[in-house]
PDB file of N, CA and C in Angstrom:
ATOM      1  N   MET A   1      21.285 -11.901   8.091  1.00  0.00           N
ATOM      2  CA  MET A   1      19.914 -11.789   7.644  1.00  0.00           C
ATOM      3  C   MET A   1      19.901 -11.017   6.325  1.00  0.00           C
ATOM      4  N   SER A   2      19.238 -11.554   5.310  1.00  0.00           N
ATOM      5  CA  SER A   2      19.251 -10.923   4.001  1.00  0.00           C
ATOM      6  C   SER A   2      18.184  -9.842   3.891  1.00  0.00           C
ATOM      7  N   LYS A   3      18.333  -9.012   2.873  1.00  0.00           N
ATOM      8  CA  LYS A   3      17.389  -7.937   2.607  1.00  0.00           C
ATOM      9  C   LYS A   3      15.988  -8.508   2.362  1.00  0.00           C
ATOM     10  N   GLU A   4      15.904  -9.622   1.623  1.00  0.00           N
ATOM     11  CA  GLU A   4      14.621 -10.240   1.318  1.00  0.00           C
ATOM     12  C   GLU A   4      13.920 -10.708   2.594  1.00  0.00           C
ATOM     13  N   THR A   5      14.681 -11.248   3.540  1.00  0.00           N
ATOM     14  CA  THR A   5      14.109 -11.711   4.796  1.00  0.00           C
ATOM     15  C   THR A   5      13.553 -10.544   5.592  1.00  0.00           C
ATOM     16  N   LEU A   6      14.283  -9.453   5.621  1.00  0.00           N
ATOM     17  CA  LEU A   6      13.844  -8.277   6.366  1.00  0.00           C
ATOM     18  C   LEU A   6      12.581  -7.657   5.759  1.00  0.00           C
ATOM     19  N   LEU A   7      12.458  -7.712   4.445  1.00  0.00           N
ATOM     20  CA  LEU A   7      11.363  -7.025   3.766  1.00  0.00           C
ATOM     21  C   LEU A   7      10.211  -7.940   3.372  1.00  0.00           C
ATOM     22  N   GLU A   8      10.236  -9.196   3.781  1.00  0.00           N
ATOM     23  CA  GLU A   8       9.185 -10.123   3.343  1.00  0.00           C
ATOM     24  C   GLU A   8       7.811  -9.773   3.899  1.00  0.00           C
ATOM     25  N   ASN A   9       7.740  -8.972   4.945  1.00  0.00           N
ATOM     26  CA  ASN A   9       6.455  -8.568   5.520  1.00  0.00           C
ATOM     27  C   ASN A   9       5.943  -7.264   4.929  1.00  0.00           C
ATOM     28  N   TYR A  10       6.597  -6.769   3.887  1.00  0.00           N
ATOM     29  CA  TYR A  10       6.221  -5.501   3.275  1.00  0.00           C
ATOM     30  C   TYR A  10       5.959  -5.681   1.779  1.00  0.00           C
ATOM     31  N   ALA A  11       5.075  -4.847   1.254  1.00  0.00           N
ATOM     32  CA  ALA A  11       4.772  -4.837  -0.170  1.00  0.00           C
ATOM     33  C   ALA A  11       5.169  -3.477  -0.741  1.00  0.00           C
ATOM     34  N   ASP A  12       5.735  -3.477  -1.960  1.00  0.00           N
ATOM     35  CA  ASP A  12       6.077  -2.208  -2.590  1.00  0.00           C
ATOM     36  C   ASP A  12       4.866  -1.667  -3.347  1.00  0.00           C
ATOM     37  N   VAL A  13       5.009  -0.515  -3.939  1.00  0.00           N
ATOM     38  CA  VAL A  13       3.891   0.159  -4.602  1.00  0.00           C
ATOM     39  C   VAL A  13       3.287  -0.711  -5.706  1.00  0.00           C
ATOM     40  N   ASP A  14       4.124  -1.385  -6.481  1.00  0.00           N
ATOM     41  CA  ASP A  14       3.609  -2.240  -7.563  1.00  0.00           C
ATOM     42  C   ASP A  14       2.787  -3.394  -7.017  1.00  0.00           C
ATOM     43  N   GLN A  15       3.248  -4.018  -5.956  1.00  0.00           N
ATOM     44  CA  GLN A  15       2.500  -5.116  -5.346  1.00  0.00           C
ATOM     45  C   GLN A  15       1.178  -4.623  -4.766  1.00  0.00           C
ATOM     46  N   VAL A  16       1.208  -3.452  -4.137  1.00  0.00           N
ATOM     47  CA  VAL A  16      -0.007  -2.875  -3.563  1.00  0.00           C
ATOM     48  C   VAL A  16      -1.002  -2.553  -4.681  1.00  0.00           C
ATOM     49  N   SER A  17      -0.520  -1.985  -5.778  1.00  0.00           N
ATOM     50  CA  SER A  17      -1.420  -1.620  -6.872  1.00  0.00           C
ATOM     51  C   SER A  17      -2.091  -2.853  -7.467  1.00  0.00           C
ATOM     52  N   LYS A  18      -1.353  -3.947  -7.586  1.00  0.00           N
ATOM     53  CA  LYS A  18      -1.948  -5.191  -8.090  1.00  0.00           C
ATOM     54  C   LYS A  18      -2.981  -5.739  -7.115  1.00  0.00           C
ATOM     55  N   ARG A  19      -2.681  -5.675  -5.827  1.00  0.00           N
ATOM     56  CA  ARG A  19      -3.613  -6.187  -4.809  1.00  0.00           C
ATOM     57  C   ARG A  19      -4.907  -5.387  -4.778  1.00  0.00           C
ATOM     58  N   LEU A  20      -4.797  -4.056  -4.949  1.00  0.00           N
ATOM     59  CA  LEU A  20      -5.973  -3.198  -4.893  1.00  0.00           C
ATOM     60  C   LEU A  20      -6.646  -3.011  -6.253  1.00  0.00           C
ATOM     61  N   GLY A  21      -5.937  -3.381  -7.325  1.00  0.00           N
ATOM     62  CA  GLY A  21      -6.492  -3.230  -8.669  1.00  0.00           C
ATOM     63  C   GLY A  21      -6.532  -1.789  -9.145  1.00  0.00           C
ATOM     64  N   ILE A  22      -5.530  -1.011  -8.741  1.00  0.00           N
ATOM     65  CA  ILE A  22      -5.467   0.400  -9.131  1.00  0.00           C
ATOM     66  C   ILE A  22      -4.065   0.707  -9.663  1.00  0.00           C
ATOM     67  N   HIS A  23      -3.915   1.889 -10.250  1.00  0.00           N
ATOM     68  CA  HIS A  23      -2.647   2.332 -10.817  1.00  0.00           C
ATOM     69  C   HIS A  23      -1.648   2.630  -9.695  1.00  0.00           C
ATOM     70  N   PRO A  24      -0.364   2.369  -9.930  1.00  0.00           N
ATOM     71  CA  PRO A  24       0.651   2.674  -8.897  1.00  0.00           C
ATOM     72  C   PRO A  24       0.629   4.126  -8.417  1.00  0.00           C
ATOM     73  N   GLU A  25       0.333   5.063  -9.307  1.00  0.00           N
ATOM     74  CA  GLU A  25       0.272   6.469  -8.876  1.00  0.00           C
ATOM     75  C   GLU A  25      -0.888   6.695  -7.910  1.00  0.00           C
ATOM     76  N   SER A  26      -1.965   5.937  -8.070  1.00  0.00           N
ATOM     77  CA  SER A  26      -3.085   6.031  -7.129  1.00  0.00           C
ATOM     78  C   SER A  26      -2.673   5.528  -5.752  1.00  0.00           C
ATOM     79  N   VAL A  27      -1.813   4.515  -5.726  1.00  0.00           N
ATOM     80  CA  VAL A  27      -1.282   4.021  -4.448  1.00  0.00           C
ATOM     81  C   VAL A  27      -0.448   5.111  -3.794  1.00  0.00           C
ATOM     82  N   ARG A  28       0.415   5.756  -4.568  1.00  0.00           N
ATOM     83  CA  ARG A  28       1.238   6.842  -4.025  1.00  0.00           C
ATOM     84  C   ARG A  28       0.361   7.972  -3.493  1.00  0.00           C
ATOM     85  N   ARG A  29      -0.743   8.252  -4.175  1.00  0.00           N
ATOM     86  CA  ARG A  29      -1.665   9.293  -3.724  1.00  0.00           C
ATOM     87  C   ARG A  29      -2.293   8.904  -2.389  1.00  0.00           C
ATOM     88  N   LEU A  30      -2.711   7.649  -2.246  1.00  0.00           N
ATOM     89  CA  LEU A  30      -3.267   7.184  -0.973  1.00  0.00           C
ATOM     90  C   LEU A  30      -2.256   7.345   0.151  1.00  0.00           C
ATOM     91  N   ILE A  31      -0.999   7.058  -0.144  1.00  0.00           N
ATOM     92  CA  ILE A  31       0.065   7.187   0.850  1.00  0.00           C
ATOM     93  C   ILE A  31       0.272   8.661   1.190  1.00  0.00           C
ATOM     94  N   ARG A  32       0.376   9.508   0.171  1.00  0.00           N
ATOM     95  CA  ARG A  32       0.583  10.950   0.398  1.00  0.00           C
ATOM     96  C   ARG A  32      -0.557  11.567   1.199  1.00  0.00           C
ATOM     97  N   ASP A  33      -1.775  11.125   0.916  1.00  0.00           N
ATOM     98  CA  ASP A  33      -2.952  11.663   1.604  1.00  0.00           C
ATOM     99  C   ASP A  33      -3.123  11.103   3.011  1.00  0.00           C
ATOM    100  N   GLY A  34      -2.267  10.159   3.397  1.00  0.00           N
ATOM    101  CA  GLY A  34      -2.333   9.594   4.737  1.00  0.00           C
ATOM    102  C   GLY A  34      -3.409   8.539   4.915  1.00  0.00           C
ATOM    103  N   LYS A  35      -3.979   8.068   3.828  1.00  0.00           N
ATOM    104  CA  LYS A  35      -5.044   7.060   3.903  1.00  0.00           C
ATOM    105  C   LYS A  35      -4.493   5.647   3.997  1.00  0.00           C
ATOM    106  N   LEU A  36      -3.278   5.461   3.493  1.00  0.00           N
ATOM    107  CA  LEU A  36      -2.619   4.157   3.536  1.00  0.00           C
ATOM    108  C   LEU A  36      -1.253   4.333   4.196  1.00  0.00           C
ATOM    109  N   PRO A  37      -1.090   3.822   5.415  1.00  0.00           N
ATOM    110  CA  PRO A  37       0.200   3.971   6.111  1.00  0.00           C
ATOM    111  C   PRO A  37       1.323   3.237   5.382  1.00  0.00           C
ATOM    112  N   ALA A  38       2.446   3.909   5.244  1.00  0.00           N
ATOM    113  CA  ALA A  38       3.601   3.327   4.563  1.00  0.00           C
ATOM    114  C   ALA A  38       4.872   3.936   5.136  1.00  0.00           C
ATOM    115  N   ILE A  39       5.977   3.255   4.864  1.00  0.00           N
ATOM    116  CA  ILE A  39       7.283   3.790   5.252  1.00  0.00           C
ATOM    117  C   ILE A  39       8.119   3.960   4.000  1.00  0.00           C
ATOM    118  N   LYS A  40       9.016   4.909   4.044  1.00  0.00           N
ATOM    119  CA  LYS A  40       9.921   5.139   2.925  1.00  0.00           C
ATOM    120  C   LYS A  40      11.234   4.435   3.245  1.00  0.00           C
ATOM    121  N   PHE A  41      11.644   3.530   2.365  1.00  0.00           N
ATOM    122  CA  PHE A  41      12.891   2.795   2.531  1.00  0.00           C
ATOM    123  C   PHE A  41      13.724   3.069   1.294  1.00  0.00           C
ATOM    124  N   GLY A  42      14.751   3.892   1.454  1.00  0.00           N
ATOM    125  CA  GLY A  42      15.508   4.335   0.288  1.00  0.00           C
ATOM    126  C   GLY A  42      14.606   5.226  -0.552  1.00  0.00           C
ATOM    127  N   ASN A  43      14.383   4.839  -1.797  1.00  0.00           N
ATOM    128  CA  ASN A  43      13.485   5.618  -2.648  1.00  0.00           C
ATOM    129  C   ASN A  43      12.180   4.864  -2.931  1.00  0.00           C
ATOM    130  N   LYS A  44      11.859   3.880  -2.095  1.00  0.00           N
ATOM    131  CA  LYS A  44      10.650   3.086  -2.283  1.00  0.00           C
ATOM    132  C   LYS A  44       9.706   3.241  -1.103  1.00  0.00           C
ATOM    133  N   TRP A  45       8.415   3.272  -1.413  1.00  0.00           N
ATOM    134  CA  TRP A  45       7.397   3.211  -0.379  1.00  0.00           C
ATOM    135  C   TRP A  45       7.072   1.755  -0.117  1.00  0.00           C
ATOM    136  N   LEU A  46       6.968   1.391   1.155  1.00  0.00           N
ATOM    137  CA  LEU A  46       6.634   0.025   1.542  1.00  0.00           C
ATOM    138  C   LEU A  46       5.448   0.043   2.496  1.00  0.00           C
ATOM    139  N   VAL A  47       4.530  -0.895   2.252  1.00  0.00           N
ATOM    140  CA  VAL A  47       3.337  -1.027   3.083  1.00  0.00           C
ATOM    141  C   VAL A  47       3.399  -2.390   3.753  1.00  0.00           C
ATOM    142  N   GLU A  48       3.188  -2.408   5.046  1.00  0.00           N
ATOM    143  CA  GLU A  48       3.177  -3.675   5.768  1.00  0.00           C
ATOM    144  C   GLU A  48       2.026  -4.525   5.231  1.00  0.00           C
ATOM    145  N   LYS A  49       2.299  -5.792   4.944  1.00  0.00           N
ATOM    146  CA  LYS A  49       1.294  -6.654   4.314  1.00  0.00           C
ATOM    147  C   LYS A  49       0.043  -6.827   5.152  1.00  0.00           C
ATOM    148  N   SER A  50       0.177  -6.881   6.465  1.00  0.00           N
ATOM    149  CA  SER A  50      -1.008  -7.005   7.312  1.00  0.00           C
ATOM    150  C   SER A  50      -1.873  -5.745   7.222  1.00  0.00           C
ATOM    151  N   VAL A  51      -1.238  -4.575   7.143  1.00  0.00           N
ATOM    152  CA  VAL A  51      -1.955  -3.316   6.988  1.00  0.00           C
ATOM    153  C   VAL A  51      -2.631  -3.272   5.618  1.00  0.00           C
ATOM    154  N   LEU A  52      -1.922  -3.744   4.597  1.00  0.00           N
ATOM    155  CA  LEU A  52      -2.480  -3.787   3.247  1.00  0.00           C
ATOM    156  C   LEU A  52      -3.742  -4.644   3.201  1.00  0.00           C
ATOM    157  N   GLU A  53      -3.695  -5.809   3.813  1.00  0.00           N
ATOM    158  CA  GLU A  53      -4.864  -6.691   3.795  1.00  0.00           C
ATOM    159  C   GLU A  53      -6.044  -6.073   4.535  1.00  0.00           C
ATOM    160  N   GLN A  54      -5.764  -5.404   5.633  1.00  0.00           N
ATOM    161  CA  GLN A  54      -6.820  -4.727   6.382  1.00  0.00           C
ATOM    162  C   GLN A  54      -7.415  -3.603   5.539  1.00  0.00           C
ATOM    163  N   PHE A  55      -6.574  -2.834   4.875  1.00  0.00           N
ATOM    164  CA  PHE A  55      -7.033  -1.740   4.025  1.00  0.00           C
ATOM    165  C   PHE A  55      -7.819  -2.287   2.838  1.00  0.00           C
ATOM    166  N   ALA A  56      -7.316  -3.333   2.201  1.00  0.00           N
ATOM    167  CA  ALA A  56      -7.948  -3.898   1.008  1.00  0.00           C
ATOM    168  C   ALA A  56      -9.333  -4.456   1.308  1.00  0.00           C
ATOM    169  N   SER A  57      -9.544  -4.941   2.522  1.00  0.00           N
ATOM    170  CA  SER A  57     -10.841  -5.525   2.860  1.00  0.00           C
ATOM    171  C   SER A  57     -11.968  -4.493   2.835  1.00  0.00           C
ATOM    172  N   GLY A  58     -11.632  -3.216   2.997  1.00  0.00           N
ATOM    173  CA  GLY A  58     -12.648  -2.180   2.978  1.00  0.00           C
ATOM    174  C   GLY A  58     -12.497  -1.197   1.839  1.00  0.00           C
ATOM    175  N   TYR A  59     -11.613  -1.497   0.889  1.00  0.00           N
ATOM    176  CA  TYR A  59     -11.314  -0.552  -0.183  1.00  0.00           C
ATOM    177  C   TYR A  59     -12.108  -0.883  -1.438  1.00  0.00           C
ATOM    178  N   ASP A  60     -12.677   0.159  -2.039  1.00  0.00           N
ATOM    179  CA  ASP A  60     -13.354   0.041  -3.326  1.00  0.00           C
ATOM    180  C   ASP A  60     -12.652   1.009  -4.267  1.00  0.00           C
ATOM    181  N   GLY A  61     -11.945   0.501  -5.252  1.00  0.00           N
ATOM    182  CA  GLY A  61     -11.113   1.319  -6.124  1.00  0.00           C
ATOM    183  C   GLY A  61     -11.861   2.105  -7.174  1.00  0.00           C
ATOM    184  N   ARG A  62     -13.178   1.998  -7.229  1.00  0.00           N
ATOM    185  CA  ARG A  62     -13.929   2.754  -8.233  1.00  0.00           C
ATOM    186  C   ARG A  62     -13.907   4.232  -7.889  1.00  0.00           C
ATOM    187  N   PRO A  63     -13.860   5.087  -8.913  1.00  0.00           N
ATOM    188  CA  PRO A  63     -13.826   6.538  -8.675  1.00  0.00           C
ATOM    189  C   PRO A  63     -14.998   6.999  -7.815  1.00  0.00           C
ATOM    190  N   GLY A  64     -14.705   7.910  -6.906  1.00  0.00           N
ATOM    191  CA  GLY A  64     -15.734   8.477  -6.055  1.00  0.00           C
ATOM    192  C   GLY A  64     -15.964   7.743  -4.760  1.00  0.00           C
ATOM    193  N   ASN A  65     -15.386   6.582  -4.611  1.00  0.00           N
ATOM    194  CA  ASN A  65     -15.530   5.812  -3.370  1.00  0.00           C
ATOM    195  C   ASN A  65     -14.342   6.091  -2.466  1.00  0.00           C
ATOM    196  N   LYS A  66     -14.619   6.510  -1.281  1.00  0.00           N
ATOM    197  CA  LYS A  66     -13.554   6.888  -0.347  1.00  0.00           C
ATOM    198  C   LYS A  66     -13.262   5.736   0.616  1.00  0.00           C
ATOM    199  N   ALA A  67     -11.989   5.551   0.905  1.00  0.00           N
ATOM    200  CA  ALA A  67     -11.581   4.515   1.842  1.00  0.00           C
ATOM    201  C   ALA A  67     -10.429   5.031   2.677  1.00  0.00           C
ATOM    202  N   THR A  68     -10.472   4.698   3.930  1.00  0.00           N
ATOM    203  CA  THR A  68      -9.354   4.985   4.825  1.00  0.00           C
ATOM    204  C   THR A  68      -9.183   3.803   5.742  1.00  0.00           C
ATOM    205  N   LEU A  69      -8.034   3.667   6.297  1.00  0.00           N
ATOM    206  CA  LEU A  69      -7.766   2.552   7.195  1.00  0.00           C
ATOM    207  C   LEU A  69      -8.389   2.803   8.545  1.00  0.00           C
ATOM    208  N   PHE A  70      -8.450   4.066   8.973  1.00  0.00           N
ATOM    209  CA  PHE A  70      -8.918   4.379  10.312  1.00  0.00           C
ATOM    210  C   PHE A  70     -10.275   5.026  10.306  1.00  0.00           C
TER     211      PHE A  70
END
């Protein structure tokens, strides 16, 4: 089983930032603050794509708007 096959259900910070329309550092902040669940794989943060879609459906990236998954 290849690395790509194992990780196809996960998005990295750059992919998440494009999906949410925010800066990659803002994605890292969401992860650090516990608002977006992620796992650390090596030196990369990975977000499960199903979790990302659930989060994105209720996320508003404009300043001052708060969003959490739970």
